[in-house]
Amino acid sequence: MGIEARLQTPLARAVRTSGSQSAFARLIGVSQPAVHLWLKEGRILPAEHVLTVESATGVSRHDLRPDIYPPEPSLVGASETDRA
């Protein structure tokens, strides 16, 4: 296991689920050194890969990129007609 073993980020979780940095890189069509750099520098997953990664690893798009995919709104703020 590489650097992703000691990180607790959504990206690191997705890499671990993929099996290795190399497998993750193949999944999204980038180089393994690019994945390593993202992990090392604490970068977030580029937006164009989020849905592929979510589908392949089960790591939620909301966790991977909350800036693009905010958490689903709950019924707490729903109006009475929405709840009926």
N, C-alpha and C. Protein backbone atom coordinates (compact mmCIF):
# COMPACT_ATOMS: atom_id res chain seq x y z
N MET A 1 0.85 -1.18 0.00
CA MET A 1 0.00 0.00 0.00
C MET A 1 0.89 1.24 0.00
N GLY A 2 0.40 2.27 -0.63
CA GLY A 2 1.15 3.51 -0.73
C GLY A 2 0.68 4.55 0.26
N ILE A 3 0.84 5.78 -0.10
CA ILE A 3 0.49 6.92 0.73
C ILE A 3 -0.99 6.91 1.13
N GLU A 4 -1.83 6.34 0.29
CA GLU A 4 -3.26 6.32 0.56
C GLU A 4 -3.62 5.52 1.82
N ALA A 5 -2.73 4.64 2.26
CA ALA A 5 -2.99 3.83 3.45
C ALA A 5 -3.07 4.67 4.72
N ARG A 6 -2.38 5.79 4.75
CA ARG A 6 -2.38 6.60 5.96
C ARG A 6 -3.22 7.87 5.86
N LEU A 7 -3.89 8.06 4.74
CA LEU A 7 -4.74 9.23 4.55
C LEU A 7 -6.20 8.87 4.77
N GLN A 8 -6.97 9.82 5.25
CA GLN A 8 -8.40 9.59 5.50
C GLN A 8 -9.28 10.46 4.61
N THR A 9 -8.83 10.74 3.40
CA THR A 9 -9.61 11.56 2.48
C THR A 9 -10.50 10.67 1.61
N PRO A 10 -11.55 11.24 1.04
CA PRO A 10 -12.37 10.46 0.11
C PRO A 10 -11.56 9.93 -1.07
N LEU A 11 -10.63 10.73 -1.58
CA LEU A 11 -9.79 10.26 -2.68
C LEU A 11 -8.97 9.05 -2.26
N ALA A 12 -8.36 9.11 -1.09
CA ALA A 12 -7.56 7.98 -0.60
C ALA A 12 -8.44 6.75 -0.42
N ARG A 13 -9.66 6.93 0.07
CA ARG A 13 -10.59 5.81 0.23
C ARG A 13 -10.91 5.17 -1.12
N ALA A 14 -11.11 6.00 -2.13
CA ALA A 14 -11.40 5.49 -3.47
C ALA A 14 -10.20 4.73 -4.03
N VAL A 15 -9.01 5.25 -3.80
CA VAL A 15 -7.79 4.56 -4.27
C VAL A 15 -7.66 3.22 -3.57
N ARG A 16 -7.86 3.18 -2.26
CA ARG A 16 -7.78 1.91 -1.52
C ARG A 16 -8.81 0.91 -2.04
N THR A 17 -10.01 1.38 -2.31
CA THR A 17 -11.07 0.50 -2.82
C THR A 17 -10.69 -0.07 -4.19
N SER A 18 -9.99 0.71 -4.97
CA SER A 18 -9.55 0.26 -6.30
C SER A 18 -8.45 -0.79 -6.22
N GLY A 19 -7.73 -0.83 -5.11
CA GLY A 19 -6.69 -1.82 -4.92
C GLY A 19 -5.28 -1.25 -4.93
N SER A 20 -5.07 -0.22 -5.72
CA SER A 20 -3.74 0.40 -5.80
C SER A 20 -3.85 1.72 -6.56
N GLN A 21 -2.81 2.52 -6.45
CA GLN A 21 -2.77 3.75 -7.22
C GLN A 21 -2.78 3.45 -8.71
N SER A 22 -2.09 2.40 -9.11
CA SER A 22 -2.04 2.04 -10.54
C SER A 22 -3.41 1.63 -11.06
N ALA A 23 -4.12 0.82 -10.28
CA ALA A 23 -5.46 0.39 -10.70
C ALA A 23 -6.41 1.59 -10.77
N PHE A 24 -6.30 2.48 -9.81
CA PHE A 24 -7.13 3.69 -9.81
C PHE A 24 -6.81 4.55 -11.02
N ALA A 25 -5.53 4.70 -11.31
CA ALA A 25 -5.10 5.50 -12.46
C ALA A 25 -5.66 4.92 -13.76
N ARG A 26 -5.61 3.60 -13.90
CA ARG A 26 -6.16 2.95 -15.10
C ARG A 26 -7.66 3.19 -15.20
N LEU A 27 -8.34 3.15 -14.07
CA LEU A 27 -9.79 3.35 -14.02
C LEU A 27 -10.19 4.69 -14.64
N ILE A 28 -9.41 5.73 -14.34
CA ILE A 28 -9.80 7.06 -14.81
C ILE A 28 -8.93 7.59 -15.95
N GLY A 29 -7.98 6.78 -16.41
CA GLY A 29 -7.20 7.17 -17.58
C GLY A 29 -6.13 8.21 -17.33
N VAL A 30 -5.50 8.15 -16.16
CA VAL A 30 -4.39 9.05 -15.86
C VAL A 30 -3.19 8.19 -15.45
N SER A 31 -2.06 8.83 -15.23
CA SER A 31 -0.87 8.09 -14.82
C SER A 31 -0.86 7.85 -13.31
N GLN A 32 -0.18 6.81 -12.89
CA GLN A 32 -0.04 6.55 -11.46
C GLN A 32 0.69 7.70 -10.75
N PRO A 33 1.74 8.28 -11.35
CA PRO A 33 2.36 9.43 -10.68
C PRO A 33 1.40 10.60 -10.46
N ALA A 34 0.44 10.79 -11.35
CA ALA A 34 -0.54 11.85 -11.16
C ALA A 34 -1.38 11.57 -9.92
N VAL A 35 -1.81 10.32 -9.76
CA VAL A 35 -2.61 9.94 -8.59
C VAL A 35 -1.78 10.15 -7.32
N HIS A 36 -0.53 9.71 -7.34
CA HIS A 36 0.34 9.88 -6.18
C HIS A 36 0.48 11.36 -5.82
N LEU A 37 0.65 12.22 -6.80
CA LEU A 37 0.79 13.65 -6.56
C LEU A 37 -0.47 14.23 -5.94
N TRP A 38 -1.64 13.82 -6.46
CA TRP A 38 -2.90 14.30 -5.89
C TRP A 38 -2.98 13.94 -4.42
N LEU A 39 -2.62 12.71 -4.09
CA LEU A 39 -2.66 12.26 -2.70
C LEU A 39 -1.65 13.01 -1.85
N LYS A 40 -0.44 13.10 -2.34
CA LYS A 40 0.65 13.74 -1.60
C LYS A 40 0.36 15.20 -1.30
N GLU A 41 -0.22 15.90 -2.28
CA GLU A 41 -0.48 17.33 -2.14
C GLU A 41 -1.86 17.64 -1.58
N GLY A 42 -2.63 16.60 -1.26
CA GLY A 42 -3.96 16.80 -0.69
C GLY A 42 -4.97 17.39 -1.66
N ARG A 43 -4.76 17.12 -2.93
CA ARG A 43 -5.68 17.65 -3.95
C ARG A 43 -6.99 16.88 -3.94
N ILE A 44 -8.00 17.48 -4.53
CA ILE A 44 -9.28 16.80 -4.69
C ILE A 44 -9.34 16.20 -6.09
N LEU A 45 -10.20 15.24 -6.25
CA LEU A 45 -10.35 14.56 -7.53
C LEU A 45 -10.87 15.54 -8.58
N PRO A 46 -10.25 15.61 -9.75
CA PRO A 46 -10.77 16.46 -10.81
C PRO A 46 -12.23 16.09 -11.15
N ALA A 47 -13.01 17.10 -11.38
CA ALA A 47 -14.46 16.93 -11.57
C ALA A 47 -14.82 15.92 -12.65
N GLU A 48 -14.04 15.86 -13.71
CA GLU A 48 -14.42 14.97 -14.82
C GLU A 48 -14.34 13.49 -14.47
N HIS A 49 -13.75 13.16 -13.33
CA HIS A 49 -13.60 11.75 -12.93
C HIS A 49 -14.57 11.31 -11.83
N VAL A 50 -15.29 12.26 -11.25
CA VAL A 50 -16.09 11.97 -10.06
C VAL A 50 -17.12 10.86 -10.28
N LEU A 51 -17.89 10.94 -11.33
CA LEU A 51 -18.97 9.97 -11.53
C LEU A 51 -18.42 8.58 -11.84
N THR A 52 -17.33 8.51 -12.58
CA THR A 52 -16.69 7.22 -12.86
C THR A 52 -16.19 6.59 -11.57
N VAL A 53 -15.54 7.39 -10.74
CA VAL A 53 -15.00 6.88 -9.48
C VAL A 53 -16.13 6.45 -8.55
N GLU A 54 -17.18 7.23 -8.48
CA GLU A 54 -18.32 6.85 -7.62
C GLU A 54 -18.89 5.51 -8.08
N SER A 55 -19.09 5.36 -9.36
CA SER A 55 -19.67 4.13 -9.90
C SER A 55 -18.78 2.92 -9.64
N ALA A 56 -17.47 3.09 -9.79
CA ALA A 56 -16.54 1.96 -9.66
C ALA A 56 -16.17 1.63 -8.23
N THR A 57 -16.18 2.62 -7.34
CA THR A 57 -15.68 2.39 -5.99
C THR A 57 -16.75 2.48 -4.91
N GLY A 58 -17.86 3.12 -5.22
CA GLY A 58 -18.89 3.32 -4.21
C GLY A 58 -18.64 4.52 -3.31
N VAL A 59 -17.54 5.23 -3.52
CA VAL A 59 -17.29 6.45 -2.74
C VAL A 59 -18.17 7.54 -3.34
N SER A 60 -19.00 8.12 -2.51
CA SER A 60 -20.02 9.06 -2.95
C SER A 60 -19.46 10.31 -3.61
N ARG A 61 -20.15 10.76 -4.64
CA ARG A 61 -19.80 12.03 -5.29
C ARG A 61 -19.87 13.18 -4.30
N HIS A 62 -20.77 13.06 -3.31
CA HIS A 62 -20.91 14.10 -2.29
C HIS A 62 -19.66 14.18 -1.41
N ASP A 63 -19.02 13.04 -1.18
CA ASP A 63 -17.77 13.02 -0.41
C ASP A 63 -16.59 13.45 -1.27
N LEU A 64 -16.56 12.98 -2.51
CA LEU A 64 -15.43 13.29 -3.39
C LEU A 64 -15.36 14.76 -3.76
N ARG A 65 -16.50 15.37 -4.06
CA ARG A 65 -16.52 16.77 -4.48
C ARG A 65 -17.75 17.49 -3.93
N PRO A 66 -17.77 17.77 -2.62
CA PRO A 66 -18.93 18.45 -2.05
C PRO A 66 -19.13 19.85 -2.61
N ASP A 67 -18.10 20.42 -3.22
CA ASP A 67 -18.25 21.74 -3.83
C ASP A 67 -19.10 21.69 -5.08
N ILE A 68 -19.14 20.54 -5.74
CA ILE A 68 -19.92 20.38 -6.96
C ILE A 68 -21.22 19.63 -6.67
N TYR A 69 -21.13 18.62 -5.80
CA TYR A 69 -22.27 17.77 -5.46
C TYR A 69 -22.55 17.90 -3.96
N PRO A 70 -23.23 18.98 -3.55
CA PRO A 70 -23.51 19.13 -2.12
C PRO A 70 -24.43 18.00 -1.63
N PRO A 71 -24.44 17.77 -0.32
CA PRO A 71 -25.31 16.72 0.22
C PRO A 71 -26.76 16.95 -0.19
N GLU A 72 -27.47 15.87 -0.34
CA GLU A 72 -28.88 15.95 -0.71
C GLU A 72 -29.65 16.70 0.38
N PRO A 73 -30.57 17.58 -0.01
CA PRO A 73 -31.37 18.28 1.00
C PRO A 73 -32.26 17.27 1.73
N SER A 74 -32.42 17.49 3.01
CA SER A 74 -33.27 16.59 3.79
C SER A 74 -34.68 17.14 3.84
N LEU A 75 -35.56 16.36 4.39
CA LEU A 75 -36.95 16.79 4.53
C LEU A 75 -37.12 17.78 5.67
N VAL A 76 -36.09 18.03 6.44
CA VAL A 76 -36.19 18.94 7.58
C VAL A 76 -36.67 20.31 7.12
N GLY A 77 -36.19 20.79 6.01
CA GLY A 77 -36.57 22.10 5.53
C GLY A 77 -37.74 22.08 4.57
N ALA A 78 -38.35 20.92 4.34
CA ALA A 78 -39.45 20.82 3.38
C ALA A 78 -40.70 21.44 3.93
N SER A 79 -41.51 21.98 3.04
CA SER A 79 -42.78 22.57 3.46
C SER A 79 -43.77 21.47 3.81
N GLU A 80 -44.85 21.85 4.45
CA GLU A 80 -45.88 20.88 4.84
C GLU A 80 -46.46 20.17 3.63
N THR A 81 -46.61 20.86 2.50
CA THR A 81 -47.17 20.22 1.30
C THR A 81 -46.21 19.20 0.71
N ASP A 82 -44.89 19.42 0.87
CA ASP A 82 -43.90 18.48 0.37
C ASP A 82 -43.91 17.17 1.17
N ARG A 83 -44.27 17.28 2.46
CA ARG A 83 -44.26 16.11 3.35
C ARG A 83 -45.52 15.27 3.23
N ALA A 84 -46.58 15.84 2.70
CA ALA A 84 -47.87 15.14 2.63
C ALA A 84 -47.87 14.03 1.62
